[in-house]
Protein backbone atom coordinates (compact mmCIF):
# COMPACT_ATOMS: atom_id res chain seq x y z
CA UNK A 1 -19.64 -68.90 41.21
CA UNK A 2 -22.53 -66.63 40.97
CA UNK A 3 -20.41 -63.62 39.79
CA UNK A 4 -18.72 -65.75 36.95
CA UNK A 5 -22.47 -66.90 35.82
CA UNK A 6 -23.55 -63.03 36.16
CA UNK A 7 -20.38 -62.04 33.90
CA UNK A 8 -21.29 -64.75 31.59
CA UNK A 9 -24.76 -63.69 31.05
CA UNK A 10 -23.81 -60.05 30.60
CA UNK A 11 -21.42 -60.83 27.92
CA UNK A 12 -23.69 -63.18 26.05
CA UNK A 13 -26.47 -60.50 26.35
CA UNK A 14 -24.19 -57.99 24.72
CA UNK A 15 -23.12 -60.38 22.08
CA UNK A 16 -26.69 -61.14 21.06
CA UNK A 17 -27.87 -57.51 21.20
CA UNK A 18 -25.12 -56.28 19.01
CA UNK A 19 -25.39 -59.24 16.75
CA UNK A 20 -28.90 -58.11 15.89
CA UNK A 21 -27.80 -54.55 15.08
CA UNK A 22 -24.90 -55.94 12.93
CA UNK A 23 -27.21 -58.22 10.89
CA UNK A 24 -29.58 -55.46 9.94
CA UNK A 25 -26.36 -53.50 8.67
CA UNK A 26 -25.03 -56.35 7.01
CA UNK A 27 -28.33 -57.05 5.07
CA UNK A 28 -27.84 -53.49 3.77
CA UNK A 29 -24.40 -54.28 2.36
CA UNK A 30 -22.63 -51.82 4.94
CA UNK A 31 -18.94 -51.93 6.07
CA UNK A 32 -19.62 -52.69 9.58
CA UNK A 33 -21.64 -55.88 9.84
CA UNK A 34 -22.16 -58.70 12.43
CA UNK A 35 -18.58 -59.22 13.44
CA UNK A 36 -17.89 -55.58 13.94
CA UNK A 37 -20.87 -54.93 15.91
CA UNK A 38 -20.25 -57.82 18.32
CA UNK A 39 -16.62 -56.91 18.84
CA UNK A 40 -17.61 -53.31 19.67
CA UNK A 41 -20.30 -54.44 22.09
CA UNK A 42 -18.42 -57.27 23.66
CA UNK A 43 -15.49 -55.14 24.24
CA UNK A 44 -17.30 -52.42 25.69
CA UNK A 45 -19.07 -54.89 28.16
CA UNK A 46 -15.66 -56.36 29.12
CA UNK A 47 -14.40 -52.87 29.84
CA UNK A 48 -17.36 -51.88 31.87
CA UNK A 49 -17.18 -54.94 34.03
CA UNK A 50 -13.52 -54.29 34.61
CA UNK A 51 -14.29 -50.69 35.66
CA UNK A 52 -17.12 -52.15 38.07
CA UNK A 53 -15.48 -55.23 39.40
CA UNK A 54 -11.61 -55.22 38.37
CA UNK A 55 -10.41 -53.19 41.56
CA UNK A 56 -12.21 -54.98 44.27
CA UNK A 57 -9.03 -56.16 45.56
CA UNK A 58 -7.37 -52.72 46.17
CA UNK A 59 -10.41 -50.88 47.33
CA UNK A 60 -9.72 -51.77 51.04
CA UNK A 61 -6.28 -49.54 50.82
CA UNK A 62 -7.06 -46.21 52.13
CA UNK A 63 -4.40 -44.73 50.06
CA UNK A 64 -6.06 -45.70 46.75
CA UNK A 65 -9.02 -43.83 45.31
CA UNK A 66 -10.84 -45.13 42.48
CA UNK A 67 -13.14 -43.57 39.99
CA UNK A 68 -15.20 -46.40 38.19
CA UNK A 69 -16.58 -44.13 35.50
CA UNK A 70 -13.09 -43.15 33.87
CA UNK A 71 -12.71 -46.43 32.04
CA UNK A 72 -16.19 -46.24 30.64
CA UNK A 73 -15.50 -42.23 29.93
CA UNK A 74 -12.49 -43.68 27.92
CA UNK A 75 -14.51 -46.18 25.90
CA UNK A 76 -16.77 -43.45 24.66
CA UNK A 77 -13.88 -41.42 23.57
CA UNK A 78 -12.30 -44.30 21.77
CA UNK A 79 -15.07 -45.21 19.63
CA UNK A 80 -14.68 -42.01 17.82
CA UNK A 81 -11.72 -43.48 15.91
CA UNK A 82 -13.54 -46.55 14.74
CA UNK A 83 -16.56 -44.46 13.68
CA UNK A 84 -14.38 -42.27 11.65
CA UNK A 85 -13.02 -45.29 9.78
CA UNK A 86 -16.33 -46.39 8.69
CA UNK A 87 -17.06 -42.81 7.13
CA UNK A 88 -16.29 -42.54 3.50
CA UNK A 89 -15.84 -39.41 1.66
CA UNK A 90 -15.97 -39.16 -2.07
CA UNK A 91 -14.96 -35.65 -3.39
CA UNK A 92 -17.41 -33.05 -2.71
CA UNK A 93 -20.31 -35.78 -2.22
CA UNK A 94 -21.72 -36.12 0.90
CA UNK A 95 -20.23 -38.46 3.46
CA UNK A 96 -21.29 -42.05 3.43
CA UNK A 97 -21.50 -44.32 6.34
CA UNK A 98 -22.50 -41.72 9.24
CA UNK A 99 -25.57 -43.84 10.00
CA UNK A 100 -23.18 -47.00 10.61
CA UNK A 101 -20.75 -45.24 12.47
CA UNK A 102 -23.50 -43.72 14.65
CA UNK A 103 -24.75 -47.18 15.24
CA UNK A 104 -21.58 -48.34 16.25
CA UNK A 105 -21.56 -45.61 18.81
CA UNK A 106 -24.89 -46.52 20.06
CA UNK A 107 -23.69 -50.24 20.19
CA UNK A 108 -21.01 -49.15 22.55
CA UNK A 109 -23.69 -47.72 24.90
CA UNK A 110 -25.55 -50.97 24.73
CA UNK A 111 -22.48 -52.99 25.83
CA UNK A 112 -21.57 -50.49 28.81
CA UNK A 113 -25.22 -50.73 29.85
CA UNK A 114 -25.38 -54.66 29.76
CA UNK A 115 -21.95 -54.73 31.19
CA UNK A 116 -23.09 -52.63 34.11
CA UNK A 117 -26.21 -54.87 34.68
CA UNK A 118 -28.69 -52.49 33.21
CA UNK A 119 -30.31 -55.02 31.15
CA UNK A 120 -33.55 -53.22 30.48
CA UNK A 121 -31.62 -50.15 29.14
CA UNK A 122 -29.48 -52.43 26.89
CA UNK A 123 -32.10 -54.38 25.50
CA UNK A 124 -34.83 -51.48 24.78
CA UNK A 125 -31.96 -49.56 23.20
CA UNK A 126 -31.51 -52.35 20.78
CA UNK A 127 -35.14 -52.55 20.16
CA UNK A 128 -35.52 -49.04 19.30
CA UNK A 129 -32.18 -48.84 17.20
CA UNK A 130 -33.72 -51.80 15.08
CA UNK A 131 -36.86 -50.02 14.66
CA UNK A 132 -35.49 -46.67 13.71
CA UNK A 133 -33.14 -48.17 11.31
CA UNK A 134 -35.86 -50.39 9.59
CA UNK A 135 -38.79 -47.82 9.54
CA UNK A 136 -36.58 -44.78 8.53
CA UNK A 137 -34.86 -46.93 5.74
CA UNK A 138 -38.17 -47.78 4.24
CA UNK A 139 -39.36 -44.27 4.35
CA UNK A 140 -35.92 -43.09 2.82
CA UNK A 141 -36.42 -45.82 -0.24
CA UNK A 142 -39.87 -44.46 -0.63
CA UNK A 143 -38.65 -40.86 -0.98
CA UNK A 144 -35.84 -41.77 -3.32
CA UNK A 145 -38.02 -43.52 -5.42
CA UNK A 146 -39.85 -40.42 -6.60
CA UNK A 147 -39.01 -37.47 -8.88
CA UNK A 148 -39.98 -33.78 -8.42
CA UNK A 149 -40.04 -30.61 -10.08
CA UNK A 150 -42.31 -27.43 -11.07
CA UNK A 151 -44.97 -26.88 -13.70
CA UNK A 152 -46.57 -23.59 -14.91
CA UNK A 153 -50.35 -24.08 -16.32
CA UNK A 154 -52.18 -21.51 -18.45
CA UNK A 155 -55.58 -21.34 -16.59
CA UNK A 156 -56.88 -18.66 -18.83
CA UNK A 157 -56.35 -20.39 -22.23
CA UNK A 158 -57.36 -23.95 -20.72
CA UNK A 159 -60.33 -23.04 -18.97
CA UNK A 160 -59.38 -24.92 -16.01
CA UNK A 161 -59.72 -23.96 -12.34
CA UNK A 162 -57.43 -24.95 -9.72
CA UNK A 163 -58.88 -28.32 -8.76
CA UNK A 164 -59.45 -29.38 -12.44
CA UNK A 165 -55.65 -28.57 -13.20
CA UNK A 166 -54.62 -30.65 -10.29
CA UNK A 167 -56.89 -33.48 -11.49
CA UNK A 168 -55.51 -33.11 -15.06
CA UNK A 169 -52.12 -33.74 -13.64
CA UNK A 170 -53.18 -36.63 -11.42
CA UNK A 171 -54.73 -38.38 -14.53
CA UNK A 172 -50.97 -38.27 -15.81
CA UNK A 173 -49.90 -39.86 -12.57
CA UNK A 174 -48.48 -36.67 -11.36
CA UNK A 175 -49.33 -35.36 -7.73
CA UNK A 176 -49.39 -31.45 -7.52
CA UNK A 177 -48.53 -29.54 -4.24
CA UNK A 178 -48.20 -25.92 -3.18
CA UNK A 179 -50.37 -24.56 -5.97
CA UNK A 180 -49.98 -20.74 -6.56
CA UNK A 181 -51.88 -18.62 -9.16
CA UNK A 182 -50.57 -15.22 -10.77
CA UNK A 183 -51.76 -12.92 -13.38
CA UNK A 184 -49.01 -12.22 -15.83
CA UNK A 185 -48.25 -9.32 -17.76
CA UNK A 186 -50.22 -10.49 -20.62
CA UNK A 187 -53.26 -10.44 -18.47
CA UNK A 188 -53.46 -14.46 -18.39
CA UNK A 189 -53.79 -16.33 -15.17
CA UNK A 190 -51.32 -18.92 -14.59
CA UNK A 191 -50.87 -21.84 -11.94
CA UNK A 192 -47.51 -22.49 -10.71
CA UNK A 193 -47.56 -25.92 -8.78
CA UNK A 194 -44.90 -28.51 -7.31
CA UNK A 195 -45.23 -31.86 -8.72
CA UNK A 196 -44.25 -35.31 -7.56
CA UNK A 197 -44.25 -38.60 -9.41
CA UNK A 198 -42.87 -42.24 -9.38
CA UNK A 199 -39.55 -42.59 -11.00
CA UNK A 200 -40.88 -45.94 -12.45
CA UNK A 201 -43.25 -43.66 -14.56
CA UNK A 202 -40.86 -40.85 -14.94
CA UNK A 203 -40.60 -41.05 -18.87
CA UNK A 204 -44.34 -41.53 -19.20
CA UNK A 205 -44.86 -38.51 -17.08
CA UNK A 206 -42.39 -36.38 -18.77
CA UNK A 207 -43.97 -37.25 -22.13
CA UNK A 208 -47.19 -36.34 -20.80
CA UNK A 209 -46.16 -32.94 -19.42
CA UNK A 210 -44.42 -32.02 -22.92
CA UNK A 211 -47.56 -32.85 -24.77
CA UNK A 212 -50.00 -30.96 -22.73
CA UNK A 213 -50.45 -27.80 -24.75
CA UNK A 214 -51.44 -25.66 -21.53
CA UNK A 215 -48.28 -26.49 -19.59
CA UNK A 216 -46.16 -23.34 -20.62
CA UNK A 217 -43.08 -24.52 -18.36
CA UNK A 218 -41.55 -27.21 -16.37
CA UNK A 219 -38.29 -27.46 -14.38
CA UNK A 220 -35.67 -29.95 -14.75
CA UNK A 221 -36.73 -32.72 -12.73
CA UNK A 222 -34.48 -34.00 -9.88
CA UNK A 223 -34.35 -36.90 -7.31
CA UNK A 224 -35.24 -36.06 -3.76
């Protein structure tokens, strides 16, 4: 009876941990959501339990040798097919769904860990995956909300110093990075700087750059 209760607890723990990961993916409208992650973790836990306890009735026979790790190895290999199905390719564009596929692979590990009775490993892995998904997603959104480019400012004609030139850009809502000063063939000093600004202010920032008489050149601005 104790063994049945332990099996039930392990399966339930695998379902809860995988549901949390699936919920995070579903909230971001990914193909693999709660149900997919639950099925993956639950199946992994079941197979791990079979690997550990499914052959007790034949162990006493000397003519039979068992390797409990073989089923676990098969589970790890098989998940590749499901992960490949989640990945989408759009012509020459970058592959989409890689994070979700990797998450399914990690969910297999969580199901196997809990199925093996390694609760701490399974639960800690769940927490870490959720933190990584959430924190890095927020960072990616912040980066994707910015535009970048390069500007060249004529310091000689403007009479500006490097700090003054950066302040001039900052007043337009533009942040300058990696400023380099070079003297041109005409003897004038020019400042070349990488600039970043919010996409919400992109039109205003571009207009401000175009209207500045001392900005001689600017690149095509692109998203990171």
